[in-house]
Amino acid sequence: MKIRDQYSEVLPGVPLYKENGVWIDLYKLRKVRKSKAAYIIQKGHLDYVKRRYKLGGLTTEEYSERLKKGMIRQKTFVEWVKSLFSLKKGNIYIIWSASKVLVEEQWVLPLKQYMLEGVQMTSFGRAEEYLLQHYGENYKEWPREDLRRVGITKVFFKKNADKL
């Protein structure tokens, strides 16, 4: 889900960000059986393509091409069959973003309080293990200058209750 507060400002004042207000991505953390995770992700992809077609976001030709070229129906069926015979035990969480990140259950629970720039937040109990798995052992180091994207460094929220 994307939330937009168009009345607030961000720094740096790059036009791409400045004129758009503040966007916040909220991702659903979905708990599933490990044996069914690949099927659930593949089924979600198939449902997404169908939904885009029904809402007019894809033409009939584009819809057919995506189904054929990506073999989406076949892959969904294969993952469903694999899930029926899988020996994987336990649960896993899926961060339901575009990349469908898998997070081990023991990394999430119990939840833990963290302080970030003076704000107390709740997050994964073993966040460092997740960060290592997702970003690699150098996750605390800045990437080379040419690989960095312009990021938002500060958000100024304007209180304007009648416009929100």
Foldseek 3Di string as FASTA:
>chain_A
DKDFDQVKAFPPCDVVGGRRHDIDDDWDKAKDWPLQLQLVVLVVVVVVLVVCVVVPVDDPVRSVCCCVVVVSVVSNVVSVVSSVVDPRGDMWIFRPDPVGDIHRPQQAPPWDWDADPNDIDITTPNVVVVQCVPPNPCSVDDDPPVPDDDDTDDMGDDDDVVVD
